[in-house]
């Protein structure tokens, strides 16, 4: 991240703005060799305010170059969340023979007097690879007469029906629209009543197909829906997902999605994430990034001169587990190019591993571990990271409870909100006796990927800069660490 000066708690390999406020990722699109990341940005303060679209680009999803602001508020209101696509067929008529970028976003106008806010969908287009943008003179292109919350459009080209599809958040549901040209929209269906979590307002939806690993010619559609913070729920804002079928107009969830709430991430700090558009077919990945914060305390986090960061970029996959199809997240492979080997161990117990880690000091790093528990062991293994005088973040697995957990109760600065210091966990039942972990630690975060991304936990932490110790311990001496690799990731 060479173009952005490092400040207190700024991640070494997580994107954050040079200064001032950032929240939801927006408009992620791949075009002419670059990944574009737009984002909700208040350029004049470090708390949420009049929303603009900030802009950054990368060639590898790790090192980002921050560019000038892309979209500013206008007579229609602030620039809320949305998406971007490559209009390869010039369906809009904005372009000539060369394709260009089209941003589809929510205009938000505050109400006057007793009137509620007005949210509607609008367009902007770019002919110079996203450097400058022209707002469509016919904005807004989509209104709704009754929904107060009507925002965060995600648009994609649906090849089987040869049309654009928009999924947009509508309070406690999402609506699906279709269009031949991104300008004229027809309502197709509505989804969400009586299904999933409704603990907060629905926001930032996404919809895309994925193949099912190991199942030839089998694929499903995945819908992501984030839910906003509600005072009655300690978890705050988070993201759920549904799996089903989509025919160009309607999404039909499968049985597991109808019966269970499925969380994308079991930590507290992965919100409003959506996927990149227009990834080349020869790449074939579904790439995702989220805002690494939580509306419970997003305006209060103890950074200086800036506030808000993104998660690491991830690849989303579908996998069959115990007869059910589930969403898997894995760190993008590009991160491996930044590894600097520090420790490599094989077939040791936790005591021997702890001796090897004694004296090791790292600030931004990755742990890759493979652990085998003895039969019927009720044991626990835990890694303590960013440890120092009275501080530590604990990441572990409790075999008796079959739970992955993150404990940040003593992780550093935590007094800015009563819900921040906490321990939370998630069930990890498959592959009993075996555990695979990838743990990404940075100056202000931990991201845990368990058993190939079956369970993921993302959490902010704010340790002292001197808290850089790493420790491992287990309460069953028979436990074997089959492999342990630690890499410095000080990009």
Protein backbone atom coordinates (compact mmCIF):
# COMPACT_ATOMS: atom_id res chain seq x y z
CA UNK A 1 0.00 0.00 0.00
CA UNK A 2 2.82 2.33 -0.96
CA UNK A 3 0.60 5.22 -2.07
CA UNK A 4 -1.05 5.59 1.33
CA UNK A 5 0.90 6.80 4.36
CA UNK A 6 0.72 4.52 7.38
CA UNK A 7 -1.01 5.98 10.43
CA UNK A 8 -2.03 4.59 13.80
CA UNK A 9 -3.88 1.27 13.40
CA UNK A 10 -3.82 1.53 9.61
CA UNK A 11 -3.53 -1.95 8.18
CA UNK A 12 -0.44 -2.98 6.25
CA UNK A 13 -2.44 -4.96 3.69
CA UNK A 14 -6.01 -3.69 4.13
CA UNK A 15 -7.31 -0.78 2.09
CA UNK A 16 -8.29 2.38 3.95
CA UNK A 17 -8.60 5.98 2.70
CA UNK A 18 -5.73 8.41 3.17
CA UNK A 19 -7.97 10.52 5.35
CA UNK A 20 -11.51 10.88 6.59
CA UNK A 21 -14.45 8.48 6.54
CA UNK A 22 -15.14 5.33 4.51
CA UNK A 23 -17.90 2.72 4.68
CA UNK A 24 -19.57 0.35 2.16
CA UNK A 25 -17.66 -0.92 -0.88
CA UNK A 26 -19.38 0.21 -4.09
CA UNK A 27 -19.08 -0.22 -7.83
CA UNK A 28 -16.53 -3.01 -7.82
CA UNK A 29 -15.71 -3.84 -11.41
CA UNK A 30 -12.75 -5.27 -13.35
CA UNK A 31 -11.82 -3.36 -16.50
CA UNK A 32 -8.71 -3.33 -18.68
CA UNK A 33 -6.43 -5.07 -16.20
CA UNK A 34 -7.50 -3.20 -13.07
CA UNK A 35 -9.78 -3.95 -10.17
CA UNK A 36 -11.85 -0.89 -9.33
CA UNK A 37 -13.05 -0.32 -5.78
CA UNK A 38 -15.41 2.57 -5.16
CA UNK A 39 -16.67 3.20 -1.67
CA UNK A 40 -18.89 5.37 0.49
CA UNK A 41 -16.76 8.33 1.48
CA UNK A 42 -17.14 11.50 3.52
CA UNK A 43 -14.14 13.56 2.40
CA UNK A 44 -14.62 16.31 5.01
CA UNK A 45 -14.80 14.38 8.29
CA UNK A 46 -14.01 11.17 10.12
CA UNK A 47 -17.62 10.24 10.88
CA UNK A 48 -20.48 9.44 8.53
CA UNK A 49 -21.62 12.50 6.57
CA UNK A 50 -22.60 13.63 3.04
CA UNK A 51 -21.79 10.59 0.96
CA UNK A 52 -19.51 10.64 -2.09
CA UNK A 53 -17.98 7.75 -4.02
CA UNK A 54 -14.28 7.42 -3.26
CA UNK A 55 -12.18 5.43 -5.73
CA UNK A 56 -9.16 3.13 -5.66
CA UNK A 57 -7.63 0.72 -8.19
CA UNK A 58 -5.38 -2.31 -7.96
CA UNK A 59 -3.77 -4.85 -10.25
CA UNK A 60 -3.62 -7.57 -7.60
CA UNK A 61 -6.35 -6.89 -4.98
CA UNK A 62 -3.69 -6.18 -2.32
CA UNK A 63 -1.80 -2.98 -3.22
CA UNK A 64 -4.25 -0.15 -3.89
CA UNK A 65 -3.82 3.28 -5.46
CA UNK A 66 -6.27 5.86 -4.19
CA UNK A 67 -7.67 8.10 -6.95
CA UNK A 68 -9.69 11.34 -6.87
CA UNK A 69 -13.32 11.22 -5.78
CA UNK A 70 -15.50 9.73 -8.50
CA UNK A 71 -19.03 10.95 -7.69
CA UNK A 72 -20.17 13.94 -5.63
CA UNK A 73 -23.62 14.93 -4.30
CA UNK A 74 -25.80 16.97 -6.65
CA UNK A 75 -29.32 18.37 -6.97
CA UNK A 76 -30.76 14.86 -6.50
CA UNK A 77 -28.96 14.27 -3.21
CA UNK A 78 -26.05 12.33 -1.76
CA UNK A 79 -24.41 9.43 -3.59
CA UNK A 80 -25.31 6.27 -1.67
CA UNK A 81 -24.22 2.70 -2.43
CA UNK A 82 -24.46 0.94 -5.77
CA UNK A 83 -22.60 -1.04 -8.40
CA UNK A 84 -20.77 -0.68 -11.72
CA UNK A 85 -20.68 -2.74 -14.91
CA UNK A 86 -18.94 -2.78 -18.26
CA UNK A 87 -21.50 -1.99 -20.96
CA UNK A 88 -19.91 -4.16 -23.65
CA UNK A 89 -22.93 -4.08 -25.95
CA UNK A 90 -23.47 -0.31 -25.62
CA UNK A 91 -27.03 -0.99 -24.48
CA UNK A 92 -27.12 2.48 -22.92
CA UNK A 93 -26.01 4.34 -26.01
CA UNK A 94 -23.40 6.16 -23.92
CA UNK A 95 -20.46 4.71 -25.83
CA UNK A 96 -19.24 4.21 -29.36
CA UNK A 97 -17.38 1.11 -30.48
CA UNK A 98 -15.32 0.84 -27.28
CA UNK A 99 -17.10 -0.31 -24.12
CA UNK A 100 -17.16 1.86 -21.03
CA UNK A 101 -18.16 1.79 -17.38
CA UNK A 102 -21.62 2.52 -16.04
CA UNK A 103 -22.25 3.19 -12.34
CA UNK A 104 -25.71 2.47 -10.93
CA UNK A 105 -26.20 4.11 -7.54
CA UNK A 106 -28.75 5.44 -5.08
CA UNK A 107 -29.45 9.14 -4.90
CA UNK A 108 -30.50 10.03 -1.33
CA UNK A 109 -32.27 13.32 -0.63
CA UNK A 110 -33.13 14.29 2.94
CA UNK A 111 -36.79 15.09 3.48
CA UNK A 112 -37.95 18.57 4.37
CA UNK A 113 -40.14 19.24 7.37
CA UNK A 114 -42.10 16.09 8.21
CA UNK A 115 -41.35 14.49 4.85
CA UNK A 116 -39.24 11.29 4.79
CA UNK A 117 -36.04 10.98 2.76
CA UNK A 118 -36.32 10.12 -0.92
CA UNK A 119 -34.15 7.36 -2.39
CA UNK A 120 -34.01 6.59 -6.10
CA UNK A 121 -31.63 4.92 -8.55
CA UNK A 122 -29.44 6.84 -10.99
CA UNK A 123 -26.67 6.35 -13.56
CA UNK A 124 -23.27 7.80 -14.36
CA UNK A 125 -20.86 6.71 -17.07
CA UNK A 126 -17.14 6.89 -17.76
CA UNK A 127 -15.27 6.78 -21.06
CA UNK A 128 -11.78 6.96 -19.53
CA UNK A 129 -11.58 3.82 -17.36
CA UNK A 130 -13.30 5.39 -14.38
CA UNK A 131 -11.13 8.48 -14.05
CA UNK A 132 -13.96 10.93 -14.79
CA UNK A 133 -17.73 10.44 -14.72
CA UNK A 134 -20.74 12.00 -16.41
CA UNK A 135 -24.12 11.74 -14.68
CA UNK A 136 -26.98 10.72 -16.96
CA UNK A 137 -29.20 13.69 -17.81
CA UNK A 138 -32.29 11.51 -17.34
CA UNK A 139 -31.58 10.71 -13.67
CA UNK A 140 -33.15 9.21 -11.70
CA UNK A 141 -33.95 6.11 -13.75
CA UNK A 142 -35.92 4.23 -11.07
CA UNK A 143 -38.20 5.47 -8.31
CA UNK A 144 -40.56 3.76 -5.90
CA UNK A 145 -43.69 5.40 -4.52
CA UNK A 146 -43.91 3.63 -1.17
CA UNK A 147 -40.51 2.38 0.02
CA UNK A 148 -38.61 4.84 2.21
CA UNK A 149 -35.59 2.51 2.19
CA UNK A 150 -35.01 1.87 -1.51
CA UNK A 151 -31.28 1.63 -2.14
CA UNK A 152 -28.02 -0.15 -2.93
CA UNK A 153 -28.66 -1.43 -6.47
CA UNK A 154 -26.50 -4.33 -7.69
CA UNK A 155 -26.76 -4.81 -11.46
CA UNK A 156 -25.56 -7.64 -13.70
CA UNK A 157 -26.12 -8.90 -17.24
CA UNK A 158 -28.25 -12.06 -17.32
CA UNK A 159 -27.17 -13.87 -20.47
CA UNK A 160 -30.01 -16.47 -20.68
CA UNK A 161 -32.64 -13.73 -20.86
CA UNK A 162 -30.39 -11.16 -22.58
CA UNK A 163 -31.20 -8.37 -20.15
CA UNK A 164 -29.85 -6.39 -17.24
CA UNK A 165 -31.06 -7.42 -13.79
CA UNK A 166 -31.07 -5.18 -10.73
CA UNK A 167 -31.46 -6.36 -7.14
CA UNK A 168 -32.20 -3.48 -4.77
CA UNK A 169 -32.89 -3.30 -1.02
CA UNK A 170 -36.43 -2.31 -0.03
CA UNK A 171 -36.56 -2.07 3.75
CA UNK A 172 -37.24 -5.66 4.81
CA UNK A 173 -37.14 -7.28 1.36
CA UNK A 174 -35.29 -6.99 -1.93
CA UNK A 175 -36.88 -6.25 -5.30
CA UNK A 176 -35.71 -7.57 -8.66
CA UNK A 177 -36.01 -5.46 -11.80
CA UNK A 178 -35.09 -6.06 -15.45
CA UNK A 179 -34.00 -3.69 -18.21
CA UNK A 180 -32.72 -3.81 -21.80
CA UNK A 181 -30.60 -0.65 -21.43
CA UNK A 182 -30.01 0.24 -17.74
CA UNK A 183 -32.39 3.18 -18.17
CA UNK A 184 -35.86 1.64 -18.38
CA UNK A 185 -36.73 -0.78 -15.57
CA UNK A 186 -39.61 -3.21 -15.03
CA UNK A 187 -40.37 -4.86 -11.69
CA UNK A 188 -39.94 -8.64 -11.86
CA UNK A 189 -40.45 -9.89 -8.29
CA UNK A 190 -39.90 -9.32 -4.59
CA UNK A 191 -38.11 -11.60 -2.13
CA UNK A 192 -37.63 -11.75 1.60
CA UNK A 193 -40.93 -11.78 3.42
CA UNK A 194 -40.96 -14.49 6.08
CA UNK A 195 -37.45 -15.74 5.35
CA UNK A 196 -34.01 -15.03 6.78
CA UNK A 197 -33.09 -12.59 9.51
CA UNK A 198 -34.99 -9.35 9.86
CA UNK A 199 -33.10 -8.08 12.90
CA UNK A 200 -32.34 -4.84 11.05
CA UNK A 201 -33.00 -3.04 7.78
CA UNK A 202 -31.99 -5.02 4.67
CA UNK A 203 -29.12 -3.45 2.73
CA UNK A 204 -26.48 -4.01 0.05
CA UNK A 205 -27.83 -7.11 -1.74
CA UNK A 206 -25.97 -9.14 -4.35
CA UNK A 207 -27.02 -12.03 -6.61
CA UNK A 208 -24.77 -14.30 -8.66
CA UNK A 209 -24.35 -17.92 -9.83
CA UNK A 210 -21.64 -20.29 -8.60
CA UNK A 211 -20.72 -23.83 -9.56
CA UNK A 212 -20.92 -26.45 -6.81
CA UNK A 213 -17.45 -27.88 -6.15
CA UNK A 214 -17.18 -31.55 -7.04
CA UNK A 215 -20.63 -31.69 -8.65
CA UNK A 216 -20.29 -31.79 -12.43
CA UNK A 217 -22.48 -29.28 -14.28
CA UNK A 218 -24.25 -28.29 -11.06
CA UNK A 219 -24.60 -24.66 -10.04
CA UNK A 220 -26.73 -22.51 -7.75
CA UNK A 221 -27.51 -18.84 -7.34
CA UNK A 222 -26.35 -17.04 -4.20
CA UNK A 223 -28.05 -13.98 -2.73
CA UNK A 224 -26.26 -11.83 -0.16
CA UNK A 225 -28.22 -9.45 2.08
CA UNK A 226 -26.69 -7.31 4.81
CA UNK A 227 -28.78 -6.28 7.81
CA UNK A 228 -28.27 -3.07 9.74
CA UNK A 229 -27.67 -2.63 13.44
CA UNK A 230 -30.58 -2.99 15.86
CA UNK A 231 -30.19 -2.00 19.54
CA UNK A 232 -31.77 -5.27 20.66
CA UNK A 233 -29.08 -7.49 19.13
CA UNK A 234 -25.49 -7.53 20.41
CA UNK A 235 -24.05 -8.66 17.07
CA UNK A 236 -24.94 -5.42 15.30
CA UNK A 237 -24.74 -5.25 11.52
CA UNK A 238 -23.86 -8.43 9.60
CA UNK A 239 -24.51 -10.29 6.36
CA UNK A 240 -26.68 -13.32 5.59
CA UNK A 241 -26.87 -15.43 2.45
CA UNK A 242 -29.44 -17.53 0.61
CA UNK A 243 -28.88 -20.29 -1.96
CA UNK A 244 -31.42 -21.15 -4.65
CA UNK A 245 -32.40 -20.79 -8.30
CA UNK A 246 -32.92 -17.69 -10.44
CA UNK A 247 -34.71 -17.62 -13.81
CA UNK A 248 -34.09 -13.99 -14.74
CA UNK A 249 -37.11 -12.74 -12.81
CA UNK A 250 -37.56 -14.70 -9.58
CA UNK A 251 -35.25 -16.12 -6.94
CA UNK A 252 -36.44 -19.41 -5.42
CA UNK A 253 -34.55 -20.38 -2.24
CA UNK A 254 -33.63 -23.96 -1.44
CA UNK A 255 -34.94 -25.77 1.63
CA UNK A 256 -31.96 -24.96 3.86
CA UNK A 257 -32.25 -21.26 3.09
CA UNK A 258 -35.96 -21.33 3.93
CA UNK A 259 -35.40 -23.13 7.21
CA UNK A 260 -32.20 -21.54 8.55
CA UNK A 261 -30.51 -18.17 8.81
CA UNK A 262 -27.08 -18.50 7.21
CA UNK A 263 -24.36 -16.01 8.12
CA UNK A 264 -21.56 -15.08 5.77
CA UNK A 265 -19.20 -14.23 8.63
CA UNK A 266 -19.43 -15.02 12.35
CA UNK A 267 -17.24 -12.13 13.47
CA UNK A 268 -18.45 -8.63 14.17
CA UNK A 269 -16.75 -6.68 11.40
CA UNK A 270 -17.62 -7.78 7.87
CA UNK A 271 -20.53 -5.77 6.53
CA UNK A 272 -22.09 -4.56 3.25
CA UNK A 273 -19.80 -6.75 1.17
CA UNK A 274 -20.56 -7.44 -2.49
CA UNK A 275 -18.74 -9.04 -5.40
CA UNK A 276 -16.78 -7.72 -8.36
CA UNK A 277 -18.44 -7.45 -11.75
CA UNK A 278 -16.90 -8.46 -15.08
CA UNK A 279 -14.15 -10.77 -13.84
CA UNK A 280 -12.80 -12.40 -17.02
CA UNK A 281 -14.11 -15.88 -17.82
CA UNK A 282 -10.57 -17.26 -17.92
CA UNK A 283 -10.18 -16.21 -14.28
CA UNK A 284 -13.61 -17.48 -13.32
CA UNK A 285 -13.56 -16.45 -9.67
CA UNK A 286 -16.32 -14.72 -7.73
CA UNK A 287 -14.37 -12.07 -5.81
CA UNK A 288 -15.74 -10.31 -2.73
CA UNK A 289 -14.75 -7.59 -0.28
CA UNK A 290 -16.56 -6.13 2.73
CA UNK A 291 -16.44 -3.07 4.92
CA UNK A 292 -14.50 -4.04 8.04
CA UNK A 293 -16.64 -2.39 10.70
CA UNK A 294 -20.02 -2.52 12.44
CA UNK A 295 -22.65 0.20 12.70
CA UNK A 296 -22.76 -0.28 16.48
CA UNK A 297 -19.45 1.55 16.82
CA UNK A 298 -18.28 2.51 13.32
CA UNK A 299 -18.26 6.25 14.12
CA UNK A 300 -16.28 5.71 17.32
CA UNK A 301 -13.30 3.52 16.41
CA UNK A 302 -10.00 4.98 17.70
CA UNK A 303 -8.15 5.88 14.54
CA UNK A 304 -6.58 9.26 13.84
CA UNK A 305 -7.44 11.35 10.78
CA UNK A 306 -9.20 8.51 8.96
CA UNK A 307 -11.83 5.91 9.78
CA UNK A 308 -12.87 2.72 7.96
CA UNK A 309 -11.11 -0.15 6.20
CA UNK A 310 -11.95 -3.04 3.92
CA UNK A 311 -11.51 -6.74 4.62
CA UNK A 312 -8.99 -8.65 2.56
CA UNK A 313 -10.41 -9.67 -0.80
CA UNK A 314 -11.88 -13.18 -0.84
CA UNK A 315 -13.01 -15.79 -3.32
CA UNK A 316 -16.52 -17.17 -2.83
CA UNK A 317 -17.29 -20.80 -3.64
CA UNK A 318 -20.07 -23.33 -3.09
CA UNK A 319 -19.31 -26.67 -1.48
CA UNK A 320 -21.43 -29.64 -0.46
CA UNK A 321 -21.03 -30.37 3.27
CA UNK A 322 -22.97 -33.15 4.99
CA UNK A 323 -25.58 -33.16 2.26
CA UNK A 324 -26.05 -29.39 2.28
CA UNK A 325 -24.64 -26.78 -0.10
CA UNK A 326 -22.85 -23.99 1.75
CA UNK A 327 -20.93 -20.83 0.90
CA UNK A 328 -17.17 -20.97 1.33
CA UNK A 329 -14.77 -18.00 1.58
CA UNK A 330 -11.07 -18.20 0.88
CA UNK A 331 -8.43 -15.43 0.84
CA UNK A 332 -7.49 -14.45 -2.70
CA UNK A 333 -4.36 -16.23 -3.93
CA UNK A 334 -2.69 -12.88 -4.72
CA UNK A 335 -1.93 -12.43 -1.02
CA UNK A 336 0.56 -15.30 -1.16
CA UNK A 337 2.93 -13.21 -3.30
CA UNK A 338 3.46 -10.92 -0.28
CA UNK A 339 4.44 -13.68 2.15
CA UNK A 340 7.83 -13.52 3.84
CA UNK A 341 8.49 -16.85 5.64
CA UNK A 342 9.25 -16.53 9.35
CA UNK A 343 8.48 -19.91 10.98
CA UNK A 344 7.86 -23.39 9.56
CA UNK A 345 7.20 -26.39 11.81
CA UNK A 346 5.99 -29.94 11.21
CA UNK A 347 4.59 -32.61 13.50
CA UNK A 348 5.15 -30.96 16.88
CA UNK A 349 3.11 -30.63 20.05
CA UNK A 350 1.90 -27.26 21.30
CA UNK A 351 4.66 -27.00 23.90
CA UNK A 352 7.39 -27.36 21.27
CA UNK A 353 5.60 -24.87 19.01
CA UNK A 354 5.29 -22.40 21.87
CA UNK A 355 9.04 -22.56 22.51
CA UNK A 356 9.73 -21.85 18.84
CA UNK A 357 7.42 -18.82 18.92
CA UNK A 358 8.92 -17.48 22.13
CA UNK A 359 10.49 -14.12 21.45
CA UNK A 360 8.82 -13.77 18.02
CA UNK A 361 7.42 -10.30 17.42
CA UNK A 362 5.19 -9.52 14.44
CA UNK A 363 2.65 -6.82 13.68
CA UNK A 364 1.07 -7.85 10.35
CA UNK A 365 1.24 -11.53 9.45
CA UNK A 366 -0.46 -14.77 8.45
CA UNK A 367 -0.66 -18.03 10.41
CA UNK A 368 -1.34 -21.28 8.54
CA UNK A 369 -1.92 -24.24 10.85
CA UNK A 370 -3.05 -27.84 10.51
CA UNK A 371 -3.94 -29.58 13.77
CA UNK A 372 -5.00 -33.11 14.65
CA UNK A 373 -6.83 -33.87 17.89
CA UNK A 374 -6.55 -37.32 19.49
CA UNK A 375 -9.69 -39.47 19.52
CA UNK A 376 -12.38 -38.20 21.87
CA UNK A 377 -10.22 -35.32 22.99
CA UNK A 378 -12.15 -32.53 24.75
CA UNK A 379 -9.15 -30.28 24.27
CA UNK A 380 -8.68 -26.73 23.10
CA UNK A 381 -5.97 -25.04 21.10
CA UNK A 382 -5.56 -21.29 21.06
CA UNK A 383 -3.32 -18.75 19.34
CA UNK A 384 -2.73 -15.50 21.19
CA UNK A 385 -1.80 -12.70 18.80
CA UNK A 386 -0.93 -9.01 19.12
CA UNK A 387 -0.02 -9.87 22.70
CA UNK A 388 1.69 -7.46 25.04
CA UNK A 389 1.34 -5.82 28.44
CA UNK A 390 -2.19 -6.79 29.45
CA UNK A 391 -3.28 -7.23 25.84
CA UNK A 392 -4.01 -10.19 23.60
CA UNK A 393 -6.50 -11.40 21.04
CA UNK A 394 -7.24 -15.12 21.35
CA UNK A 395 -8.23 -17.27 18.36
CA UNK A 396 -8.98 -20.89 19.12
CA UNK A 397 -10.92 -24.08 18.70
CA UNK A 398 -12.80 -25.87 21.49
CA UNK A 399 -13.02 -29.52 20.45
CA UNK A 400 -15.58 -30.42 23.12
CA UNK A 401 -17.98 -27.76 21.88
CA UNK A 402 -16.84 -28.06 18.22
CA UNK A 403 -16.52 -24.28 18.14
CA UNK A 404 -14.15 -21.76 16.61
CA UNK A 405 -13.90 -18.62 18.71
CA UNK A 406 -12.37 -15.15 18.78
CA UNK A 407 -11.91 -13.43 22.12
CA UNK A 408 -11.10 -9.72 21.92
CA UNK A 409 -12.06 -8.82 25.48
CA UNK A 410 -8.43 -7.80 26.16
CA UNK A 411 -7.41 -6.90 22.62
CA UNK A 412 -6.42 -3.30 23.33
CA UNK A 413 -8.51 -0.12 23.21
CA UNK A 414 -12.11 -1.22 23.65
CA UNK A 415 -13.79 1.38 25.86
CA UNK A 416 -15.25 3.37 22.97
CA UNK A 417 -18.38 1.14 22.95
CA UNK A 418 -19.77 -1.38 25.48
CA UNK A 419 -20.36 -4.03 22.80
CA UNK A 420 -16.82 -4.04 21.44
CA UNK A 421 -15.01 -6.17 24.04
CA UNK A 422 -16.51 -9.62 23.47
CA UNK A 423 -15.96 -13.31 22.80
CA UNK A 424 -17.94 -14.99 20.06
CA UNK A 425 -17.93 -18.41 18.46
CA UNK A 426 -19.27 -20.52 15.61
CA UNK A 427 -19.90 -24.23 15.20
CA UNK A 428 -17.39 -26.19 13.13
CA UNK A 429 -18.66 -29.76 13.17
CA UNK A 430 -17.33 -31.42 10.03
CA UNK A 431 -14.00 -33.30 9.87
CA UNK A 432 -13.90 -34.23 13.59
CA UNK A 433 -10.41 -34.44 14.98
CA UNK A 434 -8.96 -32.19 12.30
CA UNK A 435 -8.60 -28.46 12.13
CA UNK A 436 -7.16 -26.23 9.42
CA UNK A 437 -6.71 -22.52 10.12
CA UNK A 438 -5.58 -19.49 8.19
CA UNK A 439 -5.39 -16.44 10.41
CA UNK A 440 -4.64 -12.98 9.00
CA UNK A 441 -3.50 -10.50 11.63
CA UNK A 442 -2.93 -6.82 10.93
CA UNK A 443 -2.48 -3.63 12.92
CA UNK A 444 -6.21 -3.43 13.69
CA UNK A 445 -7.83 -6.70 12.65
CA UNK A 446 -7.94 -10.47 12.66
CA UNK A 447 -9.58 -12.59 9.94
CA UNK A 448 -9.96 -16.32 10.61
CA UNK A 449 -10.66 -18.93 7.92
CA UNK A 450 -11.37 -22.37 9.41
CA UNK A 451 -11.39 -25.67 7.49
CA UNK A 452 -10.95 -24.20 4.05
CA UNK A 453 -13.25 -21.23 4.68
CA UNK A 454 -16.23 -23.20 5.99
CA UNK A 455 -16.38 -20.80 8.95
CA UNK A 456 -15.01 -17.27 8.77
CA UNK A 457 -14.68 -14.67 11.53
CA UNK A 458 -13.59 -11.06 10.98
CA UNK A 459 -12.91 -8.73 13.90
CA UNK A 460 -11.40 -5.33 14.48
CA UNK A 461 -8.87 -4.95 17.31
CA UNK A 462 -6.93 -1.91 18.54
CA UNK A 463 -3.77 -3.11 20.32
CA UNK A 464 -0.84 -0.97 21.37
CA UNK A 465 1.81 -0.78 18.66
CA UNK A 466 4.21 -2.62 21.00
CA UNK A 467 1.84 -5.60 21.48
CA UNK A 468 3.37 -7.91 18.90
CA UNK A 469 3.81 -11.23 20.72
CA UNK A 470 2.54 -14.55 19.31
CA UNK A 471 1.80 -17.57 21.50
CA UNK A 472 0.14 -20.97 21.11
CA UNK A 473 -1.14 -23.33 23.79
CA UNK A 474 -3.20 -26.53 24.04
CA UNK A 475 -4.70 -28.28 27.07
CA UNK A 476 -4.11 -31.81 25.73
CA UNK A 477 -0.47 -32.79 25.33
CA UNK A 478 -1.44 -35.48 22.80
CA UNK A 479 -2.61 -32.86 20.30
CA UNK A 480 -0.33 -32.63 17.28
CA UNK A 481 0.37 -29.59 15.17
CA UNK A 482 0.98 -31.30 11.86
CA UNK A 483 2.08 -28.09 10.20
CA UNK A 484 2.55 -24.49 11.31
CA UNK A 485 3.74 -21.72 9.02
CA UNK A 486 3.94 -18.05 9.87
CA UNK A 487 4.52 -15.38 7.24
CA UNK A 488 5.22 -11.69 7.66
CA UNK A 489 2.78 -9.65 5.56
CA UNK A 490 4.13 -6.14 6.01
CA UNK A 491 3.22 -5.03 2.49
